[in-house]
Amino acid sequence: MARLNDANVAIAKEIIGRFPRPKSALIPLLHLAQEQDGHVTTEAMAHLAELIGITPAEVYGTASFYEMFKFEPIGRYCVNVCTNISCQLVGGWELLEHAEHSLGVKAGSTTTDGMFTLEDVECIAACTEAPALQVNYRYRYRVTPAEFDQMIADLRAGALDHEIPPHGTLATVRQRTTDRWANVGVEAQAAVDAR
C-alpha cells in the first residue's frame, strides 16, 4: 500500500523529536501508520525503519507483539468481544455467539460490506464490567445482545461517529509539543552522549 504521506512524515519527525533515542518513538509511529491506512503496511514498516534507523524486521518484531496493530485491511469497525474468565462467567461466550449470528460472520472475519471485523479476544481489563467489548478500542460495558444489536445499528447509521472513529484512529486530538519542548529528547540524548 503506502509509505507515510508527506503530512504524516512531518508528524513522525515531531514524534521522533520527543524521545532521547529515535527507536523509542516506534509505538507512536506504528499508530500513525495504522491511522493513515487502517492497518500497518509493509511499505510503512520499511519507511518507519528508515526514519528511526532500525531494520524493517525490528519494526515488524515490535508491531507483531501487540494485537492492536493489524497487517491486513480490516473492517471500519473492529469489534473485540472479551471471552476471558470474568466475561465468560456472565455471558461473554453467549455475547460472542450472538455477535457472530447478528453480523453473519465467525470471529476472525469481516462482514461482506467491510463494515465490521469481529474478534474473540482475551482480557480487555474491564472485568468488573463484564461482559465487555471494544469497538475500535472504545469500551462498552455489561453488553446485552439487545444492546449489541442497537450498537451495530447505530454504527451503521453513523450515529456513533462522534464517539467511535474509523479503525486505526488512536485519538481524535493529536498531541503536540510546544516549541519549548520540541526536540527535548534529542537534546537529552546529546547531553548523555557528551559525558
Protein backbone atom coordinates (compact mmCIF):
# COMPACT_ATOMS: atom_id res chain seq x y z
CA MET A 1 0.00 0.00 0.00
CA ALA A 2 1.74 3.16 1.15
CA ARG A 3 4.66 4.70 2.89
CA LEU A 4 3.80 7.61 5.18
CA ASN A 5 2.42 10.55 3.24
CA ASP A 6 4.12 13.97 3.46
CA ALA A 7 1.86 15.25 6.24
CA ASN A 8 2.48 12.15 8.32
CA VAL A 9 6.24 12.33 7.73
CA ALA A 10 6.15 15.79 9.33
CA ILE A 11 4.17 14.41 12.27
CA ALA A 12 6.56 11.45 12.52
CA LYS A 13 9.56 13.77 12.75
CA GLU A 14 7.83 15.73 15.51
CA ILE A 15 7.11 12.49 17.39
CA ILE A 16 10.69 11.27 16.98
CA GLY A 17 11.95 14.57 18.41
CA ARG A 18 10.18 13.87 21.71
CA PHE A 19 12.38 10.88 22.51
CA PRO A 20 16.03 10.62 23.56
CA ARG A 21 16.54 7.81 21.02
CA PRO A 22 14.64 7.67 17.73
CA LYS A 23 13.87 3.96 18.23
CA SER A 24 11.83 4.88 21.33
CA ALA A 25 9.25 6.53 19.05
CA LEU A 26 8.35 3.25 17.34
CA ILE A 27 4.99 2.55 19.02
CA PRO A 28 3.54 6.03 18.35
CA LEU A 29 4.87 5.82 14.78
CA LEU A 30 3.14 2.46 14.26
CA HIS A 31 -0.11 4.03 15.43
CA LEU A 32 0.44 6.88 12.96
CA ALA A 33 0.98 4.41 10.09
CA GLN A 34 -2.13 2.45 11.06
CA GLU A 35 -4.17 5.63 11.26
CA GLN A 36 -3.12 6.52 7.72
CA ASP A 37 -4.14 3.24 6.06
CA GLY A 38 -6.31 1.43 8.63
CA HIS A 39 -3.56 -1.16 9.05
CA VAL A 40 0.26 -1.19 9.08
CA THR A 41 1.56 -1.84 5.59
CA THR A 42 4.88 -3.48 4.73
CA GLU A 43 5.91 -0.26 2.99
CA ALA A 44 5.06 1.81 6.07
CA MET A 45 7.15 -0.51 8.27
CA ALA A 46 10.11 -0.06 5.91
CA HIS A 47 9.60 3.71 5.97
CA LEU A 48 9.45 3.79 9.78
CA ALA A 49 12.66 1.75 9.89
CA GLU A 50 14.37 4.35 7.69
CA LEU A 51 13.10 7.22 9.84
CA ILE A 52 14.42 5.80 13.11
CA GLY A 53 17.46 3.90 11.93
CA ILE A 54 16.47 0.28 12.53
CA THR A 55 15.60 -2.64 10.26
CA PRO A 56 12.10 -3.40 8.94
CA ALA A 57 12.36 -6.73 10.80
CA GLU A 58 12.77 -4.85 14.09
CA VAL A 59 9.70 -2.76 13.28
CA TYR A 60 7.68 -5.89 12.48
CA GLY A 61 9.02 -7.66 15.58
CA THR A 62 7.68 -4.89 17.79
CA ALA A 63 4.41 -4.40 15.90
CA SER A 64 3.58 -8.10 15.83
CA PHE A 65 3.89 -8.31 19.63
CA TYR A 66 0.81 -6.10 20.06
CA GLU A 67 -2.63 -7.29 18.97
CA MET A 68 -3.85 -3.77 18.19
CA PHE A 69 -1.64 -3.50 15.12
CA LYS A 70 -3.20 -5.08 12.04
CA PHE A 71 -1.23 -6.05 8.94
CA GLU A 72 -4.13 -6.65 6.57
CA PRO A 73 -7.17 -4.49 5.85
CA ILE A 74 -9.99 -4.98 8.32
CA GLY A 75 -13.46 -3.50 8.73
CA ARG A 76 -14.17 0.12 9.50
CA TYR A 77 -15.09 -1.09 12.98
CA CYS A 78 -13.10 -3.76 14.82
CA VAL A 79 -15.40 -5.35 17.41
CA ASN A 80 -13.46 -7.16 20.14
CA VAL A 81 -15.64 -9.37 22.35
CA CYS A 82 -13.92 -10.50 25.54
CA THR A 83 -14.33 -14.19 26.37
CA ASN A 84 -11.86 -14.38 29.23
CA ILE A 85 -12.98 -15.83 32.57
CA SER A 86 -14.79 -12.81 34.07
CA CYS A 87 -16.70 -12.20 30.88
CA GLN A 88 -17.31 -15.93 30.36
CA LEU A 89 -18.98 -16.22 33.74
CA VAL A 90 -21.58 -13.60 32.91
CA GLY A 91 -22.26 -14.29 29.23
CA GLY A 92 -19.18 -13.43 27.17
CA TRP A 93 -19.39 -16.60 25.07
CA GLU A 94 -23.11 -16.09 24.52
CA LEU A 95 -22.45 -12.47 23.52
CA LEU A 96 -19.81 -13.61 21.01
CA GLU A 97 -22.18 -16.23 19.57
CA HIS A 98 -24.90 -13.59 19.30
CA ALA A 99 -22.45 -11.20 17.57
CA GLU A 100 -21.48 -13.92 15.08
CA HIS A 101 -25.13 -14.62 14.30
CA SER A 102 -26.09 -10.93 14.18
CA LEU A 103 -23.19 -9.96 11.88
CA GLY A 104 -23.27 -13.17 9.85
CA VAL A 105 -19.54 -13.88 10.33
CA LYS A 106 -17.40 -16.02 12.60
CA ALA A 107 -14.89 -14.41 14.95
CA GLY A 108 -11.77 -13.50 12.97
CA SER A 109 -13.78 -12.47 9.90
CA THR A 110 -15.05 -9.28 8.30
CA THR A 111 -18.59 -8.66 7.10
CA THR A 112 -19.08 -8.65 3.33
CA ASP A 113 -19.81 -4.91 3.35
CA GLY A 114 -16.43 -4.25 5.02
CA MET A 115 -18.03 -2.50 7.99
CA PHE A 116 -17.21 -4.89 10.83
CA THR A 117 -14.38 -7.22 11.79
CA LEU A 118 -15.34 -9.44 14.71
CA GLU A 119 -12.67 -10.74 17.08
CA ASP A 120 -12.72 -13.06 20.08
CA VAL A 121 -10.16 -11.53 22.46
CA GLU A 122 -8.52 -12.20 25.79
CA CYS A 123 -8.98 -9.93 28.77
CA ILE A 124 -9.54 -6.27 27.92
CA ALA A 125 -9.19 -5.19 31.57
CA ALA A 126 -12.86 -4.49 32.21
CA CYS A 127 -13.55 -7.50 34.42
CA THR A 128 -15.83 -5.67 36.85
CA GLU A 129 -17.99 -4.51 33.93
CA ALA A 130 -18.39 -7.87 32.18
CA PRO A 131 -19.40 -8.87 29.64
CA ALA A 132 -17.38 -6.23 27.90
CA LEU A 133 -16.35 -5.46 24.36
CA GLN A 134 -14.47 -2.81 22.47
CA VAL A 135 -15.21 -1.14 19.16
CA ASN A 136 -12.02 0.34 17.73
CA TYR A 137 -10.68 0.11 21.29
CA ARG A 138 -13.53 2.18 22.76
CA TYR A 139 -15.15 0.26 25.60
CA ARG A 140 -18.73 -0.95 26.01
CA TYR A 141 -19.67 -2.45 29.37
CA ARG A 142 -22.21 -5.01 30.56
CA VAL A 143 -23.36 -5.53 27.00
CA THR A 144 -26.55 -7.48 26.37
CA PRO A 145 -27.44 -8.99 22.99
CA ALA A 146 -30.10 -6.28 22.51
CA GLU A 147 -27.54 -3.55 23.30
CA PHE A 148 -25.11 -5.17 20.87
CA ASP A 149 -27.71 -5.06 18.09
CA GLN A 150 -28.54 -1.42 18.85
CA MET A 151 -24.84 -0.52 18.83
CA ILE A 152 -24.38 -2.17 15.41
CA ALA A 153 -27.45 -0.35 14.04
CA ASP A 154 -26.11 2.95 15.42
CA LEU A 155 -22.68 2.35 13.90
CA ARG A 156 -24.20 1.53 10.51
CA ALA A 157 -26.30 4.72 10.69
CA GLY A 158 -23.31 6.87 11.66
CA ALA A 159 -24.94 7.77 14.98
CA LEU A 160 -21.74 6.98 16.91
CA ASP A 161 -19.24 8.68 14.58
CA HIS A 162 -18.59 11.38 17.21
CA GLU A 163 -17.64 8.68 19.70
CA ILE A 164 -16.05 5.90 17.63
CA PRO A 165 -13.77 6.94 14.76
CA PRO A 166 -12.78 4.52 11.97
CA HIS A 167 -10.32 1.76 12.88
CA GLY A 168 -6.76 2.99 13.08
CA THR A 169 -7.61 6.32 14.64
CA LEU A 170 -5.99 6.25 18.05
CA ALA A 171 -7.16 9.66 19.20
CA THR A 172 -9.29 12.40 17.74
CA VAL A 173 -6.99 15.13 19.10
CA ARG A 174 -3.33 14.90 18.19
CA GLN A 175 -0.86 15.65 20.95
CA ARG A 176 1.52 18.46 20.04
CA THR A 177 4.60 19.73 21.78
CA THR A 178 5.27 23.42 22.21
CA ASP A 179 8.44 24.93 20.81
CA ARG A 180 9.84 24.85 24.35
CA TRP A 181 9.60 21.04 24.42
CA ALA A 182 10.36 20.28 20.78
CA ASN A 183 13.45 18.10 20.42
CA VAL A 184 13.85 17.76 24.21
CA GLY A 185 14.53 14.06 23.71
CA VAL A 186 17.26 14.72 21.17
CA GLU A 187 18.86 17.32 23.45
CA ALA A 188 18.73 14.97 26.45
CA GLN A 189 20.43 12.21 24.47
CA ALA A 190 23.09 14.63 23.24
CA ALA A 191 23.85 15.55 26.87
CA VAL A 192 24.15 11.88 27.81
CA ASP A 193 26.39 11.16 24.81
CA ALA A 194 28.61 14.13 25.71
CA ARG A 195 29.51 12.56 29.09
